[in-house]
Amino acid sequence: MFKEKDMVTPVSDKVEFNLMHYYENPQEYKTQFERYLNYLTILVNASYWDTPYPRHVTRQFIKSLYRSGKAPRLSVIGDISCDIEGGIEITLKATDPGSPYFSYDALADKAIDGFDKSGPVVMAVDNLPSELPRDASVYFSSVLRTLLPEIVPVNFSAPFGQLDLPDHLKKAIILFHGKLTPDYEYLEQYL
């Protein structure tokens, strides 16, 4: 896990890294993340990027890795953020769940569908975050459907102790009428 201070450094040697200063003045910072890339086999990027923030992985750097002739360690990039030509500059296009990756040809500076050894494989599914919730929603709704006959007739205006619910459902209720239920009152100390 890399934090902002690992990824960028102030352009001026007279300034120390300061997170809020970086957020407010990104043009005064440059990437230092590429120094780690020779040690990574897989990189998963899920960080926000926008101009004028420095890029984390540039085309120029990837080209230099592959121009040397020996295969670099970095072989797979999962760009969850999927900012086209953004923080991971070699994310040249978005992919989809049916064809989730492309190879970046470092020397020709182009995307090649499928797997090719001319550069790293890039997975850049632009709607990836919606894929898992969709699967979870389908499963959750199928389970919920079986519980509805026990939930629908309940009078939820009654006090919690008087709810006519099976124990397994009652134990699953964390908040009731804006208050923690008895099994979850211990959470109050963390709020």
N, C-alpha and C. Protein backbone atom coordinates (compact mmCIF):
# COMPACT_ATOMS: atom_id res chain seq x y z
N MET A 1 0.85 -1.18 0.00
CA MET A 1 0.00 0.00 0.00
C MET A 1 0.89 1.23 0.00
N PHE A 2 0.72 2.05 -0.99
CA PHE A 2 1.47 3.29 -1.10
C PHE A 2 0.56 4.46 -0.75
N LYS A 3 1.08 5.39 -0.01
CA LYS A 3 0.36 6.61 0.31
C LYS A 3 0.88 7.74 -0.58
N GLU A 4 0.23 8.88 -0.54
CA GLU A 4 0.63 10.00 -1.38
C GLU A 4 2.09 10.36 -1.18
N LYS A 5 2.55 10.35 0.08
CA LYS A 5 3.94 10.73 0.36
C LYS A 5 4.94 9.76 -0.26
N ASP A 6 4.51 8.52 -0.56
CA ASP A 6 5.37 7.56 -1.23
C ASP A 6 5.39 7.79 -2.74
N MET A 7 4.34 8.41 -3.25
CA MET A 7 4.16 8.50 -4.68
C MET A 7 4.66 9.79 -5.30
N VAL A 8 4.64 10.87 -4.51
CA VAL A 8 5.08 12.16 -5.04
C VAL A 8 6.02 12.84 -4.06
N THR A 9 6.77 13.78 -4.59
CA THR A 9 7.69 14.57 -3.78
C THR A 9 7.64 16.01 -4.30
N PRO A 10 7.88 16.98 -3.43
CA PRO A 10 7.88 18.37 -3.90
C PRO A 10 8.95 18.60 -4.98
N VAL A 11 8.64 19.43 -5.94
CA VAL A 11 9.60 19.78 -6.99
C VAL A 11 10.80 20.49 -6.37
N SER A 12 10.54 21.34 -5.39
CA SER A 12 11.60 22.09 -4.73
C SER A 12 12.20 21.26 -3.60
N ASP A 13 13.52 21.22 -3.54
CA ASP A 13 14.21 20.51 -2.45
C ASP A 13 14.04 21.23 -1.12
N LYS A 14 13.58 22.46 -1.13
CA LYS A 14 13.44 23.26 0.09
C LYS A 14 12.10 23.06 0.78
N VAL A 15 11.23 22.28 0.16
CA VAL A 15 9.89 22.05 0.70
C VAL A 15 9.75 20.60 1.11
N GLU A 16 9.13 20.37 2.27
CA GLU A 16 8.84 19.00 2.70
C GLU A 16 7.44 18.62 2.24
N PHE A 17 7.22 17.32 2.10
CA PHE A 17 5.90 16.85 1.69
C PHE A 17 4.88 17.20 2.76
N ASN A 18 3.74 17.74 2.31
CA ASN A 18 2.62 18.04 3.19
C ASN A 18 1.36 17.66 2.42
N LEU A 19 0.57 16.77 2.98
CA LEU A 19 -0.58 16.22 2.26
C LEU A 19 -1.55 17.30 1.80
N MET A 20 -1.93 18.20 2.70
CA MET A 20 -2.89 19.24 2.32
C MET A 20 -2.29 20.18 1.27
N HIS A 21 -1.00 20.48 1.39
CA HIS A 21 -0.34 21.32 0.39
C HIS A 21 -0.36 20.62 -0.96
N TYR A 22 -0.11 19.31 -0.94
CA TYR A 22 -0.15 18.54 -2.19
C TYR A 22 -1.54 18.61 -2.83
N TYR A 23 -2.60 18.40 -2.03
CA TYR A 23 -3.95 18.45 -2.58
C TYR A 23 -4.28 19.82 -3.16
N GLU A 24 -3.79 20.87 -2.51
CA GLU A 24 -4.10 22.23 -2.94
C GLU A 24 -3.16 22.74 -4.04
N ASN A 25 -1.94 22.16 -4.14
CA ASN A 25 -0.94 22.62 -5.10
C ASN A 25 -0.25 21.46 -5.80
N PRO A 26 -1.00 20.60 -6.48
CA PRO A 26 -0.39 19.41 -7.07
C PRO A 26 0.68 19.73 -8.12
N GLN A 27 0.59 20.89 -8.74
CA GLN A 27 1.57 21.27 -9.76
C GLN A 27 2.96 21.50 -9.15
N GLU A 28 3.05 21.60 -7.83
CA GLU A 28 4.34 21.80 -7.16
C GLU A 28 4.98 20.47 -6.73
N TYR A 29 4.42 19.36 -7.25
CA TYR A 29 4.92 18.03 -6.91
C TYR A 29 5.22 17.25 -8.18
N LYS A 30 6.11 16.29 -8.05
CA LYS A 30 6.45 15.41 -9.17
C LYS A 30 6.38 13.97 -8.68
N THR A 31 6.22 13.05 -9.62
CA THR A 31 6.13 11.65 -9.24
C THR A 31 7.49 11.14 -8.76
N GLN A 32 7.42 10.25 -7.79
CA GLN A 32 8.61 9.49 -7.39
C GLN A 32 8.24 8.01 -7.32
N PHE A 33 7.04 7.72 -7.79
CA PHE A 33 6.52 6.35 -7.70
C PHE A 33 7.25 5.38 -8.61
N GLU A 34 7.75 5.85 -9.72
CA GLU A 34 8.39 4.96 -10.68
C GLU A 34 9.60 4.25 -10.11
N ARG A 35 10.18 4.79 -9.06
CA ARG A 35 11.34 4.12 -8.44
C ARG A 35 10.96 2.79 -7.80
N TYR A 36 9.67 2.58 -7.53
CA TYR A 36 9.21 1.32 -6.95
C TYR A 36 8.85 0.28 -8.00
N LEU A 37 8.60 0.71 -9.22
CA LEU A 37 8.05 -0.18 -10.24
C LEU A 37 8.95 -1.34 -10.61
N ASN A 38 10.25 -1.20 -10.48
CA ASN A 38 11.15 -2.32 -10.78
C ASN A 38 11.03 -3.45 -9.78
N TYR A 39 10.38 -3.19 -8.65
CA TYR A 39 10.23 -4.20 -7.60
C TYR A 39 8.85 -4.84 -7.59
N LEU A 40 7.95 -4.35 -8.42
CA LEU A 40 6.58 -4.86 -8.45
C LEU A 40 6.36 -5.76 -9.66
N THR A 41 5.59 -6.81 -9.45
CA THR A 41 5.15 -7.67 -10.54
C THR A 41 3.75 -7.25 -10.98
N ILE A 42 2.94 -6.91 -9.98
CA ILE A 42 1.55 -6.49 -10.23
C ILE A 42 1.32 -5.17 -9.51
N LEU A 43 0.67 -4.26 -10.19
CA LEU A 43 0.29 -2.98 -9.60
C LEU A 43 -1.22 -2.84 -9.73
N VAL A 44 -1.88 -2.56 -8.60
CA VAL A 44 -3.31 -2.27 -8.63
C VAL A 44 -3.47 -0.80 -8.25
N ASN A 45 -3.96 -0.02 -9.17
CA ASN A 45 -4.14 1.41 -8.95
C ASN A 45 -5.61 1.71 -8.73
N ALA A 46 -5.90 2.32 -7.59
CA ALA A 46 -7.28 2.70 -7.31
C ALA A 46 -7.34 4.13 -6.79
N SER A 47 -6.34 4.93 -7.16
CA SER A 47 -6.30 6.29 -6.64
C SER A 47 -6.88 7.29 -7.63
N TYR A 48 -7.47 8.32 -7.07
CA TYR A 48 -8.04 9.40 -7.87
C TYR A 48 -6.93 10.12 -8.63
N TRP A 49 -7.20 10.50 -9.85
CA TRP A 49 -6.25 11.31 -10.61
C TRP A 49 -7.00 12.32 -11.48
N ASP A 50 -6.43 13.49 -11.57
CA ASP A 50 -6.96 14.51 -12.45
C ASP A 50 -5.83 15.48 -12.75
N THR A 51 -5.94 16.23 -13.84
CA THR A 51 -4.92 17.24 -14.11
C THR A 51 -5.10 18.31 -13.03
N PRO A 52 -4.08 18.89 -12.50
CA PRO A 52 -2.66 18.87 -12.81
C PRO A 52 -1.84 17.95 -11.91
N TYR A 53 -2.44 16.90 -11.35
CA TYR A 53 -1.68 15.97 -10.50
C TYR A 53 -0.65 15.21 -11.34
N PRO A 54 0.50 14.89 -10.75
CA PRO A 54 1.50 14.12 -11.51
C PRO A 54 1.00 12.69 -11.77
N ARG A 55 1.40 12.15 -12.90
CA ARG A 55 1.06 10.76 -13.22
C ARG A 55 1.92 9.83 -12.38
N HIS A 56 1.39 8.66 -12.06
CA HIS A 56 2.12 7.67 -11.26
C HIS A 56 2.99 6.78 -12.15
N VAL A 57 2.46 6.43 -13.32
CA VAL A 57 3.18 5.58 -14.27
C VAL A 57 3.07 6.26 -15.63
N THR A 58 4.21 6.62 -16.21
CA THR A 58 4.19 7.32 -17.49
C THR A 58 4.54 6.39 -18.64
N ARG A 59 4.13 6.77 -19.83
CA ARG A 59 4.49 6.02 -21.03
C ARG A 59 6.01 5.97 -21.18
N GLN A 60 6.64 7.10 -20.95
CA GLN A 60 8.09 7.19 -21.10
C GLN A 60 8.80 6.18 -20.19
N PHE A 61 8.34 6.07 -18.96
CA PHE A 61 9.00 5.14 -18.04
C PHE A 61 8.79 3.68 -18.48
N ILE A 62 7.57 3.32 -18.85
CA ILE A 62 7.30 1.95 -19.30
C ILE A 62 8.11 1.65 -20.55
N LYS A 63 8.20 2.61 -21.47
CA LYS A 63 9.00 2.42 -22.68
C LYS A 63 10.46 2.15 -22.30
N SER A 64 10.98 2.88 -21.33
CA SER A 64 12.38 2.68 -20.92
C SER A 64 12.58 1.30 -20.30
N LEU A 65 11.58 0.81 -19.58
CA LEU A 65 11.67 -0.54 -19.00
C LEU A 65 11.77 -1.60 -20.10
N TYR A 66 10.96 -1.46 -21.12
CA TYR A 66 10.90 -2.48 -22.18
C TYR A 66 11.96 -2.29 -23.25
N ARG A 67 12.51 -1.09 -23.38
CA ARG A 67 13.54 -0.83 -24.37
C ARG A 67 14.85 -1.53 -23.98
N SER A 68 15.05 -1.76 -22.69
CA SER A 68 16.32 -2.34 -22.22
C SER A 68 16.56 -3.75 -22.76
N GLY A 69 15.51 -4.42 -23.21
CA GLY A 69 15.68 -5.76 -23.77
C GLY A 69 15.39 -6.88 -22.79
N LYS A 70 15.62 -6.65 -21.51
CA LYS A 70 15.28 -7.70 -20.54
C LYS A 70 13.88 -7.45 -20.01
N ALA A 71 13.15 -8.49 -19.81
CA ALA A 71 11.76 -8.36 -19.38
C ALA A 71 11.70 -7.81 -17.95
N PRO A 72 11.01 -6.70 -17.74
CA PRO A 72 10.88 -6.15 -16.39
C PRO A 72 9.92 -6.99 -15.55
N ARG A 73 10.00 -6.80 -14.25
CA ARG A 73 9.11 -7.53 -13.34
C ARG A 73 7.66 -7.11 -13.53
N LEU A 74 7.43 -5.81 -13.68
CA LEU A 74 6.07 -5.30 -13.78
C LEU A 74 5.40 -5.86 -15.03
N SER A 75 4.44 -6.76 -14.83
CA SER A 75 3.82 -7.39 -15.98
C SER A 75 2.30 -7.22 -16.03
N VAL A 76 1.69 -6.80 -14.91
CA VAL A 76 0.24 -6.63 -14.88
C VAL A 76 -0.10 -5.36 -14.11
N ILE A 77 -0.97 -4.55 -14.69
CA ILE A 77 -1.48 -3.36 -14.01
C ILE A 77 -3.00 -3.45 -14.00
N GLY A 78 -3.56 -3.44 -12.81
CA GLY A 78 -5.01 -3.36 -12.65
C GLY A 78 -5.36 -1.92 -12.35
N ASP A 79 -5.87 -1.21 -13.33
CA ASP A 79 -6.20 0.20 -13.13
C ASP A 79 -7.68 0.32 -12.80
N ILE A 80 -7.99 0.19 -11.52
CA ILE A 80 -9.38 0.23 -11.05
C ILE A 80 -9.99 1.61 -11.32
N SER A 81 -9.17 2.66 -11.20
CA SER A 81 -9.67 4.02 -11.44
C SER A 81 -10.06 4.23 -12.90
N CYS A 82 -9.34 3.60 -13.80
CA CYS A 82 -9.62 3.64 -15.23
C CYS A 82 -9.74 5.07 -15.77
N ASP A 83 -8.76 5.89 -15.42
CA ASP A 83 -8.68 7.23 -15.98
C ASP A 83 -7.86 7.13 -17.28
N ILE A 84 -8.51 7.29 -18.41
CA ILE A 84 -7.84 7.12 -19.70
C ILE A 84 -6.69 8.14 -19.81
N GLU A 85 -5.47 7.57 -20.03
CA GLU A 85 -4.24 8.35 -20.12
C GLU A 85 -4.05 9.26 -18.89
N GLY A 86 -4.47 8.75 -17.74
CA GLY A 86 -4.41 9.53 -16.51
C GLY A 86 -3.24 9.15 -15.63
N GLY A 87 -3.52 8.83 -14.36
CA GLY A 87 -2.48 8.49 -13.41
C GLY A 87 -1.61 7.33 -13.88
N ILE A 88 -2.22 6.37 -14.53
CA ILE A 88 -1.51 5.29 -15.22
C ILE A 88 -1.64 5.65 -16.71
N GLU A 89 -0.66 6.34 -17.22
CA GLU A 89 -0.77 6.94 -18.56
C GLU A 89 -0.97 5.89 -19.66
N ILE A 90 -0.54 4.65 -19.42
CA ILE A 90 -0.68 3.62 -20.46
C ILE A 90 -2.07 2.99 -20.48
N THR A 91 -2.96 3.46 -19.61
CA THR A 91 -4.36 3.05 -19.72
C THR A 91 -4.92 3.84 -20.90
N LEU A 92 -4.80 3.25 -22.07
CA LEU A 92 -5.19 3.94 -23.30
C LEU A 92 -6.67 3.82 -23.62
N LYS A 93 -7.31 2.81 -23.01
CA LYS A 93 -8.73 2.62 -23.28
C LYS A 93 -9.35 1.86 -22.12
N ALA A 94 -10.65 1.95 -22.03
CA ALA A 94 -11.38 1.18 -21.03
C ALA A 94 -11.66 -0.21 -21.59
N THR A 95 -11.71 -1.17 -20.71
CA THR A 95 -12.07 -2.54 -21.11
C THR A 95 -13.42 -2.87 -20.48
N ASP A 96 -13.93 -4.05 -20.77
CA ASP A 96 -15.22 -4.46 -20.20
C ASP A 96 -15.10 -5.87 -19.64
N PRO A 97 -16.06 -6.30 -18.84
CA PRO A 97 -15.96 -7.62 -18.21
C PRO A 97 -15.80 -8.78 -19.19
N GLY A 98 -16.31 -8.66 -20.41
CA GLY A 98 -16.18 -9.72 -21.40
C GLY A 98 -14.79 -9.80 -22.01
N SER A 99 -14.09 -8.70 -22.04
CA SER A 99 -12.73 -8.61 -22.56
C SER A 99 -11.98 -7.64 -21.64
N PRO A 100 -11.58 -8.12 -20.46
CA PRO A 100 -11.15 -7.22 -19.38
C PRO A 100 -9.75 -6.64 -19.47
N TYR A 101 -8.96 -7.03 -20.46
CA TYR A 101 -7.59 -6.52 -20.47
C TYR A 101 -7.07 -6.33 -21.89
N PHE A 102 -6.00 -5.57 -21.97
CA PHE A 102 -5.24 -5.41 -23.21
C PHE A 102 -3.77 -5.37 -22.83
N SER A 103 -2.91 -5.56 -23.80
CA SER A 103 -1.48 -5.43 -23.58
C SER A 103 -1.05 -4.07 -24.12
N TYR A 104 -0.19 -3.42 -23.37
CA TYR A 104 0.35 -2.15 -23.82
C TYR A 104 1.67 -2.42 -24.51
N ASP A 105 1.73 -2.19 -25.82
CA ASP A 105 2.98 -2.34 -26.57
C ASP A 105 3.81 -1.10 -26.29
N ALA A 106 4.81 -1.28 -25.42
CA ALA A 106 5.59 -0.15 -24.93
C ALA A 106 6.38 0.56 -26.02
N LEU A 107 6.89 -0.17 -26.99
CA LEU A 107 7.71 0.46 -28.02
C LEU A 107 6.88 1.12 -29.10
N ALA A 108 5.73 0.54 -29.42
CA ALA A 108 4.85 1.12 -30.44
C ALA A 108 3.84 2.10 -29.83
N ASP A 109 3.76 2.14 -28.50
CA ASP A 109 2.84 3.02 -27.79
C ASP A 109 1.40 2.82 -28.25
N LYS A 110 0.95 1.55 -28.16
CA LYS A 110 -0.43 1.26 -28.55
C LYS A 110 -0.98 0.10 -27.73
N ALA A 111 -2.29 0.01 -27.69
CA ALA A 111 -2.98 -1.07 -27.00
C ALA A 111 -3.20 -2.21 -27.97
N ILE A 112 -2.93 -3.43 -27.51
CA ILE A 112 -3.15 -4.64 -28.31
C ILE A 112 -4.14 -5.49 -27.53
N ASP A 113 -5.28 -5.80 -28.14
CA ASP A 113 -6.26 -6.64 -27.46
C ASP A 113 -5.65 -7.99 -27.13
N GLY A 114 -5.95 -8.48 -25.93
CA GLY A 114 -5.44 -9.78 -25.50
C GLY A 114 -4.07 -9.67 -24.86
N PHE A 115 -3.39 -10.80 -24.81
CA PHE A 115 -2.09 -10.88 -24.15
C PHE A 115 -0.97 -10.84 -25.18
N ASP A 116 -0.01 -9.95 -24.95
CA ASP A 116 1.14 -9.81 -25.84
C ASP A 116 2.33 -9.45 -24.95
N LYS A 117 3.49 -10.01 -25.22
CA LYS A 117 4.66 -9.81 -24.36
C LYS A 117 5.40 -8.51 -24.63
N SER A 118 4.84 -7.64 -25.43
CA SER A 118 5.53 -6.40 -25.78
C SER A 118 5.39 -5.32 -24.71
N GLY A 119 4.68 -5.62 -23.64
CA GLY A 119 4.49 -4.66 -22.56
C GLY A 119 3.56 -5.24 -21.51
N PRO A 120 3.26 -4.48 -20.48
CA PRO A 120 2.42 -5.00 -19.42
C PRO A 120 0.97 -5.19 -19.87
N VAL A 121 0.31 -6.13 -19.22
CA VAL A 121 -1.12 -6.34 -19.43
C VAL A 121 -1.85 -5.34 -18.54
N VAL A 122 -2.83 -4.66 -19.09
CA VAL A 122 -3.58 -3.65 -18.35
C VAL A 122 -5.04 -4.07 -18.26
N MET A 123 -5.54 -4.18 -17.05
CA MET A 123 -6.96 -4.44 -16.81
C MET A 123 -7.57 -3.10 -16.41
N ALA A 124 -8.47 -2.58 -17.21
CA ALA A 124 -9.04 -1.25 -16.97
C ALA A 124 -10.55 -1.29 -17.22
N VAL A 125 -11.25 -2.12 -16.48
CA VAL A 125 -12.70 -2.22 -16.62
C VAL A 125 -13.31 -0.98 -15.96
N ASP A 126 -13.89 -0.11 -16.77
CA ASP A 126 -14.35 1.17 -16.22
C ASP A 126 -15.54 1.05 -15.29
N ASN A 127 -16.29 -0.02 -15.36
CA ASN A 127 -17.40 -0.18 -14.43
C ASN A 127 -17.17 -1.35 -13.48
N LEU A 128 -15.91 -1.68 -13.24
CA LEU A 128 -15.59 -2.81 -12.34
C LEU A 128 -16.23 -2.67 -10.97
N PRO A 129 -16.21 -1.49 -10.36
CA PRO A 129 -16.83 -1.40 -9.03
C PRO A 129 -18.30 -1.80 -9.02
N SER A 130 -18.98 -1.70 -10.17
CA SER A 130 -20.39 -2.08 -10.20
C SER A 130 -20.59 -3.58 -10.39
N GLU A 131 -19.57 -4.30 -10.80
CA GLU A 131 -19.71 -5.73 -11.06
C GLU A 131 -19.97 -6.52 -9.77
N LEU A 132 -19.15 -6.28 -8.75
CA LEU A 132 -19.34 -7.02 -7.50
C LEU A 132 -20.64 -6.65 -6.79
N PRO A 133 -20.96 -5.36 -6.67
CA PRO A 133 -22.24 -5.05 -6.05
C PRO A 133 -23.43 -5.66 -6.79
N ARG A 134 -23.32 -5.77 -8.10
CA ARG A 134 -24.43 -6.36 -8.85
C ARG A 134 -24.59 -7.84 -8.47
N ASP A 135 -23.47 -8.59 -8.43
CA ASP A 135 -23.54 -9.99 -8.01
C ASP A 135 -24.08 -10.10 -6.59
N ALA A 136 -23.58 -9.22 -5.71
CA ALA A 136 -24.03 -9.24 -4.32
C ALA A 136 -25.51 -8.90 -4.23
N SER A 137 -25.97 -7.94 -5.03
CA SER A 137 -27.38 -7.56 -5.01
C SER A 137 -28.28 -8.69 -5.48
N VAL A 138 -27.86 -9.38 -6.52
CA VAL A 138 -28.65 -10.51 -7.02
C VAL A 138 -28.76 -11.59 -5.94
N TYR A 139 -27.64 -11.91 -5.31
CA TYR A 139 -27.66 -12.94 -4.26
C TYR A 139 -28.48 -12.47 -3.07
N PHE A 140 -28.23 -11.23 -2.61
CA PHE A 140 -28.94 -10.71 -1.45
C PHE A 140 -30.45 -10.70 -1.68
N SER A 141 -30.87 -10.26 -2.86
CA SER A 141 -32.31 -10.21 -3.12
C SER A 141 -32.92 -11.60 -3.18
N SER A 142 -32.16 -12.60 -3.65
CA SER A 142 -32.72 -13.96 -3.68
C SER A 142 -32.88 -14.51 -2.26
N VAL A 143 -31.97 -14.15 -1.36
CA VAL A 143 -32.09 -14.58 0.04
C VAL A 143 -33.21 -13.80 0.73
N LEU A 144 -33.26 -12.49 0.47
CA LEU A 144 -34.27 -11.65 1.09
C LEU A 144 -35.68 -12.12 0.72
N ARG A 145 -35.84 -12.56 -0.51
CA ARG A 145 -37.15 -13.03 -0.95
C ARG A 145 -37.69 -14.14 -0.05
N THR A 146 -36.81 -15.02 0.41
CA THR A 146 -37.26 -16.11 1.29
C THR A 146 -37.62 -15.62 2.69
N LEU A 147 -37.09 -14.46 3.08
CA LEU A 147 -37.35 -13.92 4.42
C LEU A 147 -38.56 -13.00 4.48
N LEU A 148 -39.00 -12.50 3.34
CA LEU A 148 -40.11 -11.54 3.30
C LEU A 148 -41.37 -12.01 4.03
N PRO A 149 -41.77 -13.27 3.92
CA PRO A 149 -42.98 -13.68 4.64
C PRO A 149 -42.87 -13.50 6.16
N GLU A 150 -41.64 -13.53 6.68
CA GLU A 150 -41.46 -13.32 8.13
C GLU A 150 -41.34 -11.84 8.49
N ILE A 151 -40.96 -11.01 7.53
CA ILE A 151 -40.71 -9.59 7.79
C ILE A 151 -41.95 -8.73 7.55
N VAL A 152 -42.67 -8.98 6.47
CA VAL A 152 -43.77 -8.12 6.06
C VAL A 152 -44.85 -7.94 7.13
N PRO A 153 -45.31 -8.97 7.81
CA PRO A 153 -46.41 -8.75 8.77
C PRO A 153 -46.00 -8.10 10.10
N VAL A 154 -44.72 -7.84 10.32
CA VAL A 154 -44.26 -7.32 11.61
C VAL A 154 -44.65 -5.85 11.78
N ASN A 155 -45.09 -5.51 13.00
CA ASN A 155 -45.42 -4.13 13.35
C ASN A 155 -44.14 -3.46 13.85
N PHE A 156 -43.46 -2.70 12.97
CA PHE A 156 -42.19 -2.09 13.32
C PHE A 156 -42.35 -0.81 14.14
N SER A 157 -43.58 -0.42 14.46
CA SER A 157 -43.77 0.73 15.35
C SER A 157 -43.74 0.28 16.81
N ALA A 158 -43.79 -1.01 17.06
CA ALA A 158 -43.69 -1.55 18.43
C ALA A 158 -42.27 -1.39 18.96
N PRO A 159 -42.06 -1.39 20.27
CA PRO A 159 -40.70 -1.35 20.82
C PRO A 159 -39.91 -2.58 20.36
N PHE A 160 -38.59 -2.42 20.32
CA PHE A 160 -37.74 -3.49 19.80
C PHE A 160 -37.98 -4.83 20.52
N GLY A 161 -38.09 -4.80 21.81
CA GLY A 161 -38.29 -6.04 22.59
C GLY A 161 -39.57 -6.77 22.25
N GLN A 162 -40.53 -6.06 21.66
CA GLN A 162 -41.83 -6.67 21.36
C GLN A 162 -41.98 -7.04 19.88
N LEU A 163 -40.92 -6.87 19.11
CA LEU A 163 -41.00 -7.24 17.69
C LEU A 163 -41.23 -8.73 17.55
N ASP A 164 -42.19 -9.09 16.73
CA ASP A 164 -42.50 -10.50 16.50
C ASP A 164 -41.70 -11.00 15.29
N LEU A 165 -40.39 -11.16 15.51
CA LEU A 165 -39.48 -11.62 14.47
C LEU A 165 -38.76 -12.87 14.96
N PRO A 166 -38.42 -13.79 14.05
CA PRO A 166 -37.58 -14.93 14.46
C PRO A 166 -36.23 -14.41 14.98
N ASP A 167 -35.60 -15.14 15.88
CA ASP A 167 -34.34 -14.71 16.52
C ASP A 167 -33.26 -14.36 15.50
N HIS A 168 -33.11 -15.16 14.44
CA HIS A 168 -32.03 -14.89 13.48
C HIS A 168 -32.21 -13.54 12.79
N LEU A 169 -33.44 -13.11 12.58
CA LEU A 169 -33.67 -11.80 11.98
C LEU A 169 -33.52 -10.69 13.01
N LYS A 170 -34.00 -10.93 14.20
CA LYS A 170 -33.92 -9.92 15.25
C LYS A 170 -32.46 -9.63 15.61
N LYS A 171 -31.63 -10.66 15.63
CA LYS A 171 -30.20 -10.48 15.94
C LYS A 171 -29.46 -9.74 14.83
N ALA A 172 -30.04 -9.68 13.66
CA ALA A 172 -29.39 -8.99 12.54
C ALA A 172 -29.66 -7.49 12.55
N ILE A 173 -30.56 -7.03 13.39
CA ILE A 173 -30.91 -5.60 13.44
C ILE A 173 -29.91 -4.88 14.35
N ILE A 174 -29.20 -3.94 13.79
CA ILE A 174 -28.19 -3.20 14.54
C ILE A 174 -28.78 -1.90 15.09
N LEU A 175 -29.53 -1.18 14.25
CA LEU A 175 -30.20 0.06 14.66
C LEU A 175 -31.69 -0.11 14.55
N PHE A 176 -32.41 0.41 15.55
CA PHE A 176 -33.87 0.36 15.51
C PHE A 176 -34.37 1.70 16.04
N HIS A 177 -35.14 2.39 15.24
CA HIS A 177 -35.65 3.73 15.57
C HIS A 177 -34.51 4.66 15.98
N GLY A 178 -33.38 4.58 15.30
CA GLY A 178 -32.27 5.49 15.53
C GLY A 178 -31.39 5.17 16.72
N LYS A 179 -31.60 4.03 17.36
CA LYS A 179 -30.78 3.65 18.51
C LYS A 179 -30.20 2.25 18.28
N LEU A 180 -29.02 2.02 18.87
CA LEU A 180 -28.41 0.70 18.78
C LEU A 180 -29.26 -0.31 19.55
N THR A 181 -29.42 -1.49 18.97
CA THR A 181 -30.17 -2.54 19.66
C THR A 181 -29.30 -3.14 20.76
N PRO A 182 -29.89 -3.83 21.73
CA PRO A 182 -29.12 -4.32 22.89
C PRO A 182 -27.84 -5.09 22.53
N ASP A 183 -27.86 -5.95 21.54
CA ASP A 183 -26.66 -6.71 21.18
C ASP A 183 -25.55 -5.85 20.59
N TYR A 184 -25.88 -4.63 20.19
CA TYR A 184 -24.90 -3.76 19.54
C TYR A 184 -24.62 -2.48 20.31
N GLU A 185 -25.10 -2.37 21.53
CA GLU A 185 -24.87 -1.15 22.32
C GLU A 185 -23.38 -0.92 22.60
N TYR A 186 -22.58 -1.97 22.56
CA TYR A 186 -21.13 -1.82 22.79
C TYR A 186 -20.48 -0.92 21.75
N LEU A 187 -21.11 -0.77 20.59
CA LEU A 187 -20.56 0.07 19.52
C LEU A 187 -20.59 1.55 19.90
N GLU A 188 -21.40 1.90 20.88
CA GLU A 188 -21.52 3.31 21.30
C GLU A 188 -20.17 3.89 21.66
N GLN A 189 -19.30 3.08 22.27
CA GLN A 189 -17.99 3.59 22.68
C GLN A 189 -17.10 3.99 21.50
N TYR A 190 -17.41 3.50 20.30
CA TYR A 190 -16.62 3.81 19.12
C TYR A 190 -17.20 4.96 18.30
N LEU A 191 -18.38 5.40 18.67
CA LEU A 191 -19.04 6.46 17.90
C LEU A 191 -18.63 7.83 18.40
